[in-house]
Protein backbone atom coordinates (compact mmCIF):
# COMPACT_ATOMS: atom_id res chain seq x y z
CA MET A 1 82.42 72.69 99.28
CA SER A 2 85.99 72.95 100.36
CA GLU A 3 87.55 76.14 101.60
CA LYS A 4 90.13 77.89 99.48
CA LYS A 5 92.62 80.46 100.70
CA ALA A 6 92.39 83.80 98.93
CA GLN A 7 95.47 85.77 97.96
CA SER A 8 94.56 88.35 100.55
CA GLY A 9 94.85 85.68 103.22
CA GLU A 10 91.14 85.56 104.02
CA ARG A 11 89.31 82.26 103.80
CA VAL A 12 86.34 82.02 101.53
CA GLN A 13 84.00 79.32 100.42
CA GLY A 14 85.79 78.06 97.35
CA SER A 15 85.06 75.85 94.41
CA ARG A 16 86.57 72.64 93.26
CA ILE A 17 88.02 74.33 90.22
CA PRO A 18 91.64 73.27 89.74
CA GLU A 19 94.09 75.98 90.80
CA GLU A 20 96.64 75.55 88.02
CA ALA A 21 97.12 72.46 85.95
CA PRO A 22 100.62 71.04 85.44
CA GLY A 23 102.00 72.40 82.20
CA ALA A 24 99.33 75.10 82.00
CA ARG A 25 100.26 78.53 80.75
CA GLY A 26 98.81 81.72 82.16
CA VAL A 27 96.82 84.25 80.20
CA ASP A 28 98.93 87.13 78.99
CA SER A 29 97.22 90.39 79.91
CA GLY A 30 97.75 91.44 76.31
CA GLU A 31 95.39 88.66 75.28
CA LEU A 32 92.62 90.35 77.23
CA GLY A 33 93.22 93.91 76.13
CA THR A 34 92.00 97.15 77.64
CA ARG A 35 89.54 99.74 76.49
CA PRO A 36 91.13 102.58 74.52
CA GLY A 37 91.61 105.70 76.59
CA ARG A 38 91.13 104.05 79.99
CA GLU A 39 94.78 104.33 81.02
CA THR A 40 94.77 108.06 80.37
CA GLY A 41 91.41 108.74 81.93
CA GLY A 42 89.54 108.81 78.61
CA SER A 43 86.03 107.52 78.21
CA GLY A 44 85.33 103.81 78.17
CA ALA A 45 82.32 101.64 78.75
CA ALA A 46 79.71 102.83 81.18
CA GLY A 47 79.95 101.11 84.53
CA CYS A 48 83.58 100.16 84.17
CA GLY A 49 85.87 102.61 85.93
CA GLY A 50 89.54 102.51 86.72
CA SER A 51 92.43 101.75 84.44
CA ARG A 52 91.93 98.06 83.70
CA CYS A 53 88.59 97.55 81.99
CA PRO A 54 88.50 94.59 79.58
CA VAL A 55 87.58 94.81 75.94
CA SER A 56 84.11 93.61 75.07
CA LEU A 57 84.47 90.65 72.75
CA ALA A 58 80.74 90.32 72.05
CA ALA A 59 80.98 91.46 68.43
CA SER A 60 84.19 89.62 67.63
CA ASN A 61 84.84 86.31 65.92
CA VAL A 62 86.25 84.64 69.04
CA LYS A 63 85.14 81.02 69.57
CA THR A 64 83.00 80.36 72.63
CA VAL A 65 85.53 77.71 73.70
CA ASP A 66 88.71 77.01 71.75
CA ARG A 67 89.20 73.30 72.44
CA GLU A 68 92.50 73.02 70.57
CA ALA A 69 94.03 75.97 72.42
CA ALA A 70 92.72 74.64 75.75
CA LEU A 71 94.26 71.26 75.04
CA GLU A 72 97.57 72.94 74.19
CA ARG A 73 97.37 75.01 77.40
CA LEU A 74 97.03 71.74 79.34
CA GLY A 75 100.07 70.20 77.71
CA GLY A 76 98.03 68.05 75.32
CA ASP A 77 96.46 66.09 78.19
CA ALA A 78 92.95 65.27 76.90
CA GLU A 79 92.01 63.53 80.15
CA LEU A 80 92.91 66.62 82.17
CA LEU A 81 90.86 68.77 79.79
CA LEU A 82 87.85 66.50 80.26
CA GLU A 83 88.28 66.59 84.05
CA THR A 84 88.54 70.38 83.96
CA ILE A 85 85.39 70.65 81.86
CA GLN A 86 83.49 68.29 84.18
CA SER A 87 84.68 70.17 87.25
CA PHE A 88 83.56 73.52 85.84
CA LEU A 89 80.18 72.11 84.80
CA GLU A 90 79.71 70.83 88.37
CA VAL A 91 80.46 74.16 90.08
CA ALA A 92 79.35 76.79 87.56
CA ALA A 93 75.76 77.14 88.81
CA GLU A 94 76.96 77.44 92.40
CA LEU A 95 79.56 80.05 91.46
CA LEU A 96 76.94 82.03 89.56
CA GLY A 97 74.63 81.92 92.57
CA GLU A 98 77.43 83.03 94.89
CA ILE A 99 78.29 85.96 92.59
CA ARG A 100 74.63 87.03 92.49
CA GLU A 101 74.45 86.76 96.28
CA ALA A 102 77.69 88.73 96.76
CA ILE A 103 76.37 91.56 94.60
CA ALA A 104 72.94 91.53 96.27
CA SER A 105 74.47 91.53 99.75
CA GLY A 106 76.82 94.41 98.91
CA ASP A 107 80.08 92.47 99.07
CA PRO A 108 82.40 93.78 96.34
CA LYS A 109 85.46 91.83 97.57
CA LYS A 110 83.63 88.52 97.35
CA THR A 111 82.23 89.53 93.95
CA ALA A 112 85.77 90.18 92.70
CA LEU A 113 87.15 86.96 94.19
CA LEU A 114 84.42 84.77 92.71
CA ALA A 115 84.68 86.48 89.32
CA HIS A 116 88.45 85.87 89.47
CA SER A 117 87.78 82.15 90.01
CA VAL A 118 85.52 82.02 86.96
CA LYS A 119 88.07 84.01 84.95
CA GLY A 120 90.80 81.51 85.79
CA ILE A 121 88.92 78.42 84.72
CA ALA A 122 87.55 80.23 81.64
CA ALA A 123 91.13 81.09 80.68
CA THR A 124 92.20 77.48 81.11
CA LEU A 125 89.34 76.43 78.84
CA GLU A 126 90.17 79.20 76.34
CA ALA A 127 86.70 80.71 76.71
CA ARG A 128 87.95 84.22 75.96
CA LYS A 129 84.61 86.02 75.89
CA LEU A 130 83.82 84.60 79.32
CA VAL A 131 87.30 85.63 80.50
CA ALA A 132 86.52 89.20 79.43
CA GLU A 133 83.09 89.21 81.11
CA ALA A 134 84.48 87.70 84.34
CA ARG A 135 87.37 90.18 84.30
CA ARG A 136 84.90 93.02 83.97
CA LEU A 137 83.04 91.78 87.07
CA GLU A 138 86.33 91.28 88.91
CA VAL A 139 87.48 94.84 88.17
CA LEU A 140 84.12 96.32 89.11
CA GLY A 141 84.12 94.36 92.37
CA SER A 142 87.69 95.37 93.12
CA GLU A 143 86.72 99.00 92.63
CA GLY A 144 83.64 98.58 94.84
CA ASP A 145 81.30 99.34 91.94
CA LEU A 146 78.36 97.05 92.66
CA VAL A 147 76.02 99.14 90.49
CA GLY A 148 78.32 98.46 87.54
CA ALA A 149 78.63 94.81 88.59
CA ARG A 150 74.84 94.44 88.59
CA ALA A 151 74.74 95.92 85.10
CA ALA A 152 77.55 93.61 83.93
CA MET A 153 75.76 90.47 85.11
CA ALA A 154 73.58 90.19 81.99
CA GLY A 155 76.59 89.85 79.70
CA PHE A 156 78.38 87.58 82.14
CA GLU A 157 75.40 85.25 82.54
CA SER A 158 74.76 85.15 78.80
CA GLU A 159 78.34 84.21 78.02
CA LEU A 160 78.50 81.72 80.89
CA GLY A 161 75.41 80.01 79.46
CA ALA A 162 76.99 79.84 76.01
CA VAL A 163 80.22 78.40 77.42
CA LEU A 164 78.39 75.79 79.51
CA ALA A 165 76.40 74.70 76.43
CA ALA A 166 79.62 74.40 74.40
CA LEU A 167 81.34 72.45 77.19
CA ARG A 168 78.45 69.99 77.49
CA GLU A 169 78.98 69.18 73.81
CA GLU A 170 82.59 68.22 74.64
CA LEU A 171 81.49 65.47 77.01
CA PRO A 172 81.41 61.89 75.77
CA ALA A 173 77.91 60.51 75.20
């Protein structure tokens, strides 16, 4: 694996996930949402403190992966979309293992950084439920809440599995 420089300046074992594709658009924070009442200190989901807890999309009608929106995000470049899918499929299991290890070893910063990586590629692929689950882990890690992160792993792993299955269907036979 190559090393990737974190925003904080520390070096971490990184993935081969593309940083930002040419012509890609970022995810508007409004697309992710927040839990009602969190900004004012009201009650939200258990295990998700602070002011930026993502909305659970589990019960919504959101597609696992929105191929058309992902293609648009990548400027209509179908080859780049395929490369991005293949890259994520190659590193997803390793990223998942690293997140599990970070939580088990008590490293909230690494948990947040790895979850951020997954969130970025999930956003590029328009896998909005996975974006929300990864964001939840990122926030929990950033707040040092590894108990909450452990609890959030079930939803994260479930959605990651669904996204990986959907992405495999996108690959040519």
